[in-house]
PDB file of N, CA and C in Angstrom:
ATOM      1  N   MET A   1       0.880  -1.009   0.189  1.00  0.00           N
ATOM      2  CA  MET A   1       0.145  -0.117   0.056  1.00  0.00           C
ATOM      3  C   MET A   1       0.767   0.990   0.149  1.00  0.00           C
ATOM      4  N   GLY A   2       0.693   2.301  -0.901  1.00  0.00           N
ATOM      5  CA  GLY A   2       1.539   3.522  -1.046  1.00  0.00           C
ATOM      6  C   GLY A   2       1.071   4.530   0.168  1.00  0.00           C
ATOM      7  N   SER A   3       1.717   5.630   0.159  1.00  0.00           N
ATOM      8  CA  SER A   3       1.679   6.471   1.193  1.00  0.00           C
ATOM      9  C   SER A   3       0.412   7.387   0.846  1.00  0.00           C
ATOM     10  N   TRP A   4       0.110   7.198  -0.424  1.00  0.00           N
ATOM     11  CA  TRP A   4      -1.341   8.268  -0.604  1.00  0.00           C
ATOM     12  C   TRP A   4      -2.571   7.383  -0.161  1.00  0.00           C
ATOM     13  N   GLU A   5      -2.488   6.192  -0.498  1.00  0.00           N
ATOM     14  CA  GLU A   5      -3.459   5.398   0.036  1.00  0.00           C
ATOM     15  C   GLU A   5      -3.973   5.324   1.547  1.00  0.00           C
ATOM     16  N   LEU A   6      -2.623   5.413   2.450  1.00  0.00           N
ATOM     17  CA  LEU A   6      -2.562   5.407   3.706  1.00  0.00           C
ATOM     18  C   LEU A   6      -3.255   6.728   4.103  1.00  0.00           C
ATOM     19  N   ILE A   7      -2.668   7.562   3.770  1.00  0.00           N
ATOM     20  CA  ILE A   7      -3.142   8.960   4.020  1.00  0.00           C
ATOM     21  C   ILE A   7      -4.733   9.351   3.857  1.00  0.00           C
ATOM     22  N   LEU A   8      -5.160   8.893   2.727  1.00  0.00           N
ATOM     23  CA  LEU A   8      -6.656   8.586   2.256  1.00  0.00           C
ATOM     24  C   LEU A   8      -7.369   7.994   3.234  1.00  0.00           C
ATOM     25  N   ILE A   9      -7.051   6.536   3.560  1.00  0.00           N
ATOM     26  CA  ILE A   9      -7.544   6.006   4.774  1.00  0.00           C
ATOM     27  C   ILE A   9      -7.465   6.427   6.044  1.00  0.00           C
ATOM     28  N   LEU A  10      -6.348   7.251   6.679  1.00  0.00           N
ATOM     29  CA  LEU A  10      -6.564   8.039   7.863  1.00  0.00           C
ATOM     30  C   LEU A  10      -7.546   9.235   7.750  1.00  0.00           C
ATOM     31  N   PHE A  11      -7.273   9.785   6.609  1.00  0.00           N
ATOM     32  CA  PHE A  11      -8.435  11.024   6.578  1.00  0.00           C
ATOM     33  C   PHE A  11      -9.740  10.436   6.499  1.00  0.00           C
ATOM     34  N   LEU A  12     -10.327   9.403   6.121  1.00  0.00           N
ATOM     35  CA  LEU A  12     -11.616   9.165   5.974  1.00  0.00           C
ATOM     36  C   LEU A  12     -11.778   8.570   7.467  1.00  0.00           C
ATOM     37  N   ALA A  13     -10.963   7.545   7.874  1.00  0.00           N
ATOM     38  CA  ALA A  13     -11.061   7.510   9.405  1.00  0.00           C
ATOM     39  C   ALA A  13     -11.368   8.684  10.312  1.00  0.00           C
ATOM     40  N   PHE A  14     -10.333   9.728  10.159  1.00  0.00           N
ATOM     41  CA  PHE A  14     -10.677  10.900  11.012  1.00  0.00           C
ATOM     42  C   PHE A  14     -12.388  11.503  11.088  1.00  0.00           C
ATOM     43  N   ILE A  15     -12.495  11.630   9.561  1.00  0.00           N
ATOM     44  CA  ILE A  15     -13.841  12.134   9.232  1.00  0.00           C
ATOM     45  C   ILE A  15     -14.935  11.334   9.698  1.00  0.00           C
ATOM     46  N   PHE A  16     -14.752   9.818   9.909  1.00  0.00           N
ATOM     47  CA  PHE A  16     -16.174   9.193   9.682  1.00  0.00           C
ATOM     48  C   PHE A  16     -16.090   8.723  11.492  1.00  0.00           C
ATOM     49  N   VAL A  17     -15.002   8.622  12.224  1.00  0.00           N
ATOM     50  CA  VAL A  17     -14.769   8.418  13.459  1.00  0.00           C
ATOM     51  C   VAL A  17     -14.574   9.259  14.399  1.00  0.00           C
ATOM     52  N   GLY A  18     -13.756  10.501  14.102  1.00  0.00           N
ATOM     53  CA  GLY A  18     -13.894  11.809  14.828  1.00  0.00           C
ATOM     54  C   GLY A  18     -12.269  11.818  15.582  1.00  0.00           C
ATOM     55  N   PRO A  19     -11.774  12.679  15.857  1.00  0.00           N
ATOM     56  CA  PRO A  19     -10.525  12.870  16.558  1.00  0.00           C
ATOM     57  C   PRO A  19     -10.575  12.284  17.828  1.00  0.00           C
ATOM     58  N   GLN A  20     -11.826  12.449  18.807  1.00  0.00           N
ATOM     59  CA  GLN A  20     -11.993  11.654  20.281  1.00  0.00           C
ATOM     60  C   GLN A  20     -11.632  10.070  20.170  1.00  0.00           C
ATOM     61  N   LYS A  21     -12.359   9.390  19.145  1.00  0.00           N
ATOM     62  CA  LYS A  21     -12.290   8.109  19.080  1.00  0.00           C
ATOM     63  C   LYS A  21     -11.336   7.325  18.320  1.00  0.00           C
ATOM     64  N   LEU A  22     -10.341   8.060  17.450  1.00  0.00           N
ATOM     65  CA  LEU A  22      -9.478   7.604  16.591  1.00  0.00           C
ATOM     66  C   LEU A  22      -8.279   7.035  17.347  1.00  0.00           C
ATOM     67  N   PRO A  23      -7.811   7.236  18.352  1.00  0.00           N
ATOM     68  CA  PRO A  23      -6.625   7.152  19.265  1.00  0.00           C
ATOM     69  C   PRO A  23      -7.287   5.581  20.104  1.00  0.00           C
ATOM     70  N   GLU A  24      -8.356   5.543  20.366  1.00  0.00           N
ATOM     71  CA  GLU A  24      -8.952   4.348  20.910  1.00  0.00           C
ATOM     72  C   GLU A  24      -9.220   3.323  19.986  1.00  0.00           C
ATOM     73  N   ILE A  25      -9.618   3.473  18.788  1.00  0.00           N
ATOM     74  CA  ILE A  25      -9.698   2.345  17.798  1.00  0.00           C
ATOM     75  C   ILE A  25      -8.100   2.010  17.491  1.00  0.00           C
ATOM     76  N   ALA A  26      -7.521   3.034  17.191  1.00  0.00           N
ATOM     77  CA  ALA A  26      -5.894   2.614  16.840  1.00  0.00           C
ATOM     78  C   ALA A  26      -5.358   1.568  17.923  1.00  0.00           C
ATOM     79  N   ARG A  27      -5.835   1.923  19.086  1.00  0.00           N
ATOM     80  CA  ARG A  27      -5.272   1.024  19.993  1.00  0.00           C
ATOM     81  C   ARG A  27      -5.691  -0.457  20.206  1.00  0.00           C
ATOM     82  N   GLU A  28      -7.053  -0.396  19.959  1.00  0.00           N
ATOM     83  CA  GLU A  28      -7.669  -1.733  19.732  1.00  0.00           C
ATOM     84  C   GLU A  28      -7.179  -2.509  18.634  1.00  0.00           C
ATOM     85  N   LEU A  29      -6.580  -1.863  17.627  1.00  0.00           N
ATOM     86  CA  LEU A  29      -6.426  -2.708  16.159  1.00  0.00           C
ATOM     87  C   LEU A  29      -5.026  -2.786  16.518  1.00  0.00           C
ATOM     88  N   GLY A  30      -4.315  -2.072  17.301  1.00  0.00           N
ATOM     89  CA  GLY A  30      -2.887  -2.502  17.593  1.00  0.00           C
ATOM     90  C   GLY A  30      -2.888  -4.046  18.672  1.00  0.00           C
ATOM     91  N   LYS A  31      -3.433  -4.084  19.521  1.00  0.00           N
ATOM     92  CA  LYS A  31      -3.762  -5.166  20.412  1.00  0.00           C
ATOM     93  C   LYS A  31      -4.321  -6.458  19.799  1.00  0.00           C
ATOM     94  N   GLY A  32      -5.323  -6.034  18.738  1.00  0.00           N
ATOM     95  CA  GLY A  32      -5.720  -7.564  17.957  1.00  0.00           C
ATOM     96  C   GLY A  32      -4.447  -7.682  17.148  1.00  0.00           C
ATOM     97  N   ALA A  33      -3.733  -6.776  16.610  1.00  0.00           N
ATOM     98  CA  ALA A  33      -2.711  -7.394  15.586  1.00  0.00           C
ATOM     99  C   ALA A  33      -1.538  -8.119  16.335  1.00  0.00           C
ATOM    100  N   ARG A  34      -1.569  -7.468  17.614  1.00  0.00           N
ATOM    101  CA  ARG A  34      -0.326  -8.178  18.823  1.00  0.00           C
ATOM    102  C   ARG A  34      -0.940  -9.895  18.953  1.00  0.00           C
ATOM    103  N   TRP A  35      -2.336  -9.608  19.132  1.00  0.00           N
ATOM    104  CA  TRP A  35      -2.941 -11.147  19.543  1.00  0.00           C
ATOM    105  C   TRP A  35      -2.850 -12.132  18.359  1.00  0.00           C
ATOM    106  N   LEU A  36      -2.932 -11.547  17.341  1.00  0.00           N
ATOM    107  CA  LEU A  36      -2.938 -12.585  16.117  1.00  0.00           C
ATOM    108  C   LEU A  36      -1.538 -12.627  15.625  1.00  0.00           C
ATOM    109  N   LYS A  37      -0.580 -11.780  15.659  1.00  0.00           N
ATOM    110  CA  LYS A  37       0.880 -12.324  15.834  1.00  0.00           C
ATOM    111  C   LYS A  37       1.381 -13.299  16.640  1.00  0.00           C
ATOM    112  N   LYS A  38       0.717 -13.326  18.032  1.00  0.00           N
ATOM    113  CA  LYS A  38       1.244 -13.946  19.145  1.00  0.00           C
ATOM    114  C   LYS A  38       0.804 -15.487  18.710  1.00  0.00           C
ATOM    115  N   ASN A  39      -0.534 -15.539  18.580  1.00  0.00           N
ATOM    116  CA  ASN A  39      -1.477 -16.780  18.106  1.00  0.00           C
ATOM    117  C   ASN A  39      -0.675 -17.430  16.959  1.00  0.00           C
ATOM    118  N   TYR A  40      -0.339 -16.789  15.991  1.00  0.00           N
ATOM    119  CA  TYR A  40       0.043 -17.208  14.685  1.00  0.00           C
ATOM    120  C   TYR A  40       1.505 -18.029  14.958  1.00  0.00           C
ATOM    121  N   THR A  41       2.213 -17.071  15.856  1.00  0.00           N
ATOM    122  CA  THR A  41       3.771 -18.052  16.115  1.00  0.00           C
ATOM    123  C   THR A  41       3.450 -18.924  16.994  1.00  0.00           C
ATOM    124  N   ASP A  42       2.529 -19.201  17.990  1.00  0.00           N
ATOM    125  CA  ASP A  42       2.235 -20.288  18.837  1.00  0.00           C
ATOM    126  C   ASP A  42       1.698 -21.505  17.980  1.00  0.00           C
ATOM    127  N   PHE A  43       0.870 -21.132  16.941  1.00  0.00           N
ATOM    128  CA  PHE A  43       0.349 -22.260  16.001  1.00  0.00           C
ATOM    129  C   PHE A  43       1.540 -22.741  15.435  1.00  0.00           C
ATOM    130  N   LYS A  44       2.286 -21.645  14.568  1.00  0.00           N
ATOM    131  CA  LYS A  44       3.640 -22.442  13.605  1.00  0.00           C
ATOM    132  C   LYS A  44       4.433 -23.122  14.853  1.00  0.00           C
ATOM    133  N   VAL A  45       4.724 -22.919  15.725  1.00  0.00           N
ATOM    134  CA  VAL A  45       5.722 -23.646  16.749  1.00  0.00           C
ATOM    135  C   VAL A  45       4.885 -25.039  16.953  1.00  0.00           C
ATOM    136  N   ALA A  46       3.357 -25.073  17.328  1.00  0.00           N
ATOM    137  CA  ALA A  46       2.896 -26.221  17.297  1.00  0.00           C
ATOM    138  C   ALA A  46       2.876 -27.179  16.267  1.00  0.00           C
ATOM    139  N   ILE A  47       2.845 -26.700  15.066  1.00  0.00           N
ATOM    140  CA  ILE A  47       2.810 -27.252  13.880  1.00  0.00           C
ATOM    141  C   ILE A  47       4.209 -28.016  13.506  1.00  0.00           C
ATOM    142  N   THR A  48       5.158 -27.196  13.852  1.00  0.00           N
ATOM    143  CA  THR A  48       6.687 -27.507  13.622  1.00  0.00           C
ATOM    144  C   THR A  48       6.940 -28.780  14.708  1.00  0.00           C
ATOM    145  N   LYS A  49       6.696 -28.569  15.804  1.00  0.00           N
ATOM    146  CA  LYS A  49       6.910 -29.683  16.806  1.00  0.00           C
ATOM    147  C   LYS A  49       6.058 -30.953  16.239  1.00  0.00           C
ATOM    148  N   GLU A  50       5.213 -30.922  15.901  1.00  0.00           N
ATOM    149  CA  GLU A  50       4.171 -31.990  15.464  1.00  0.00           C
ATOM    150  C   GLU A  50       4.815 -32.799  14.187  1.00  0.00           C
ATOM    151  N   VAL A  51       5.440 -31.846  13.296  1.00  0.00           N
ATOM    152  CA  VAL A  51       6.058 -32.500  12.062  1.00  0.00           C
ATOM    153  C   VAL A  51       7.184 -33.017  12.384  1.00  0.00           C
ATOM    154  N   ASP A  52       8.165 -32.548  13.134  1.00  0.00           N
ATOM    155  CA  ASP A  52       9.398 -32.953  13.626  1.00  0.00           C
ATOM    156  C   ASP A  52       8.883 -34.555  14.381  1.00  0.00           C
ATOM    157  N   GLY A  53       7.953 -34.344  15.204  1.00  0.00           N
ATOM    158  CA  GLY A  53       7.546 -35.731  15.873  1.00  0.00           C
ATOM    159  C   GLY A  53       7.267 -36.740  14.724  1.00  0.00           C
ATOM    160  N   VAL A  54       6.447 -36.481  13.698  1.00  0.00           N
ATOM    161  CA  VAL A  54       6.166 -37.499  12.689  1.00  0.00           C
ATOM    162  C   VAL A  54       7.396 -37.972  12.025  1.00  0.00           C
ATOM    163  N   ASN A  55       8.482 -36.909  11.530  1.00  0.00           N
ATOM    164  CA  ASN A  55       9.864 -37.258  10.978  1.00  0.00           C
ATOM    165  C   ASN A  55      10.332 -38.063  12.135  1.00  0.00           C
ATOM    166  N   THR A  56      10.673 -37.956  13.446  1.00  0.00           N
ATOM    167  CA  THR A  56      11.255 -38.885  14.051  1.00  0.00           C
ATOM    168  C   THR A  56      10.400 -40.032  14.175  1.00  0.00           C
ATOM    169  N   ASP A  57       9.351 -40.082  14.356  1.00  0.00           N
ATOM    170  CA  ASP A  57       8.602 -41.515  14.162  1.00  0.00           C
ATOM    171  C   ASP A  57       8.787 -42.117  12.978  1.00  0.00           C
ATOM    172  N   THR A  58       8.738 -41.744  12.004  1.00  0.00           N
ATOM    173  CA  THR A  58       9.046 -42.388  10.448  1.00  0.00           C
ATOM    174  C   THR A  58      10.735 -42.923  10.459  1.00  0.00           C
ATOM    175  N   LYS A  59      11.539 -42.206  10.923  1.00  0.00           N
ATOM    176  CA  LYS A  59      13.010 -42.874  11.086  1.00  0.00           C
ATOM    177  C   LYS A  59      13.225 -43.809  12.008  1.00  0.00           C
ATOM    178  N   GLU A  60      12.406 -43.952  13.102  1.00  0.00           N
ATOM    179  CA  GLU A  60      12.107 -44.768  13.902  1.00  0.00           C
ATOM    180  C   GLU A  60      11.604 -46.327  13.645  1.00  0.00           C
ATOM    181  N   VAL A  61      10.553 -45.839  12.681  1.00  0.00           N
ATOM    182  CA  VAL A  61       9.947 -46.984  11.859  1.00  0.00           C
ATOM    183  C   VAL A  61      10.967 -47.603  10.704  1.00  0.00           C
ATOM    184  N   ASP A  62      11.710 -46.813   9.707  1.00  0.00           N
ATOM    185  CA  ASP A  62      12.989 -47.024   9.087  1.00  0.00           C
ATOM    186  C   ASP A  62      13.626 -47.896   9.573  1.00  0.00           C
ATOM    187  N   GLY A  63      14.111 -47.733  11.013  1.00  0.00           N
ATOM    188  CA  GLY A  63      15.133 -48.374  11.655  1.00  0.00           C
ATOM    189  C   GLY A  63      14.651 -49.703  11.883  1.00  0.00           C
ATOM    190  N   VAL A  64      13.501 -50.066  12.173  1.00  0.00           N
ATOM    191  CA  VAL A  64      12.881 -51.179  12.825  1.00  0.00           C
ATOM    192  C   VAL A  64      12.591 -52.151  11.289  1.00  0.00           C
ATOM    193  N   ASN A  65      12.229 -51.437  10.204  1.00  0.00           N
ATOM    194  CA  ASN A  65      12.489 -52.133   8.962  1.00  0.00           C
ATOM    195  C   ASN A  65      13.736 -52.808   8.735  1.00  0.00           C
ATOM    196  N   THR A  66      14.796 -51.749   8.928  1.00  0.00           N
ATOM    197  CA  THR A  66      15.916 -52.466   8.617  1.00  0.00           C
ATOM    198  C   THR A  66      16.408 -53.302   9.772  1.00  0.00           C
ATOM    199  N   ASP A  67      16.190 -53.441  10.887  1.00  0.00           N
ATOM    200  CA  ASP A  67      16.587 -54.433  11.754  1.00  0.00           C
ATOM    201  C   ASP A  67      15.925 -55.444  11.617  1.00  0.00           C
ATOM    202  N   THR A  68      14.508 -55.499  10.774  1.00  0.00           N
ATOM    203  CA  THR A  68      13.727 -56.626  10.452  1.00  0.00           C
ATOM    204  C   THR A  68      14.660 -57.263   9.405  1.00  0.00           C
ATOM    205  N   GLU A  69      15.015 -56.581   8.189  1.00  0.00           N
ATOM    206  CA  GLU A  69      15.470 -57.251   7.081  1.00  0.00           C
ATOM    207  C   GLU A  69      16.416 -57.623   7.528  1.00  0.00           C
ATOM    208  N   ARG A  70      17.765 -57.318   8.226  1.00  0.00           N
ATOM    209  CA  ARG A  70      18.659 -58.086   8.833  1.00  0.00           C
ATOM    210  C   ARG A  70      18.313 -59.289   9.507  1.00  0.00           C
ATOM    211  N   TRP A  71      17.513 -59.465  10.036  1.00  0.00           N
ATOM    212  CA  TRP A  71      17.274 -60.433  10.867  1.00  0.00           C
ATOM    213  C   TRP A  71      16.854 -61.536  10.180  1.00  0.00           C
ATOM    214  N   ASP A  72      15.913 -61.143   9.163  1.00  0.00           N
ATOM    215  CA  ASP A  72      15.477 -62.375   7.989  1.00  0.00           C
ATOM    216  C   ASP A  72      16.650 -62.698   7.173  1.00  0.00           C
ATOM    217  N   LYS A  73      17.172 -62.016   6.859  1.00  0.00           N
ATOM    218  CA  LYS A  73      18.707 -62.373   5.969  1.00  0.00           C
ATOM    219  C   LYS A  73      19.456 -63.363   7.104  1.00  0.00           C
ATOM    220  N   THR A  74      19.486 -63.273   8.292  1.00  0.00           N
ATOM    221  CA  THR A  74      20.510 -63.744   9.008  1.00  0.00           C
ATOM    222  C   THR A  74      19.626 -65.464   9.500  1.00  0.00           C
ATOM    223  N   LYS A  75      18.309 -65.387   9.124  1.00  0.00           N
ATOM    224  CA  LYS A  75      17.647 -66.614   9.738  1.00  0.00           C
ATOM    225  C   LYS A  75      17.666 -67.452   8.452  1.00  0.00           C
ATOM    226  N   SER A  76      17.594 -67.071   7.099  1.00  0.00           N
ATOM    227  CA  SER A  76      17.712 -68.061   5.897  1.00  0.00           C
ATOM    228  C   SER A  76      19.203 -68.357   5.620  1.00  0.00           C
TER     229      SER A  76
END
């Protein structure tokens, strides 16, 4: 978004909301943006942990298959 668009949005907000309510609305928007960023980060960390756990489980299963194949070769 360019600077002229931002100026236009701020001007329209100033006209429709008024100078008394504008700081309060901006504060609430800031709180909402912080909440969204925090929850997005928490969600990203949780998903990364789950994916890493699945990768670890897959490696363990691969190791079991290799051990089983070695056992089958020694058995015959």
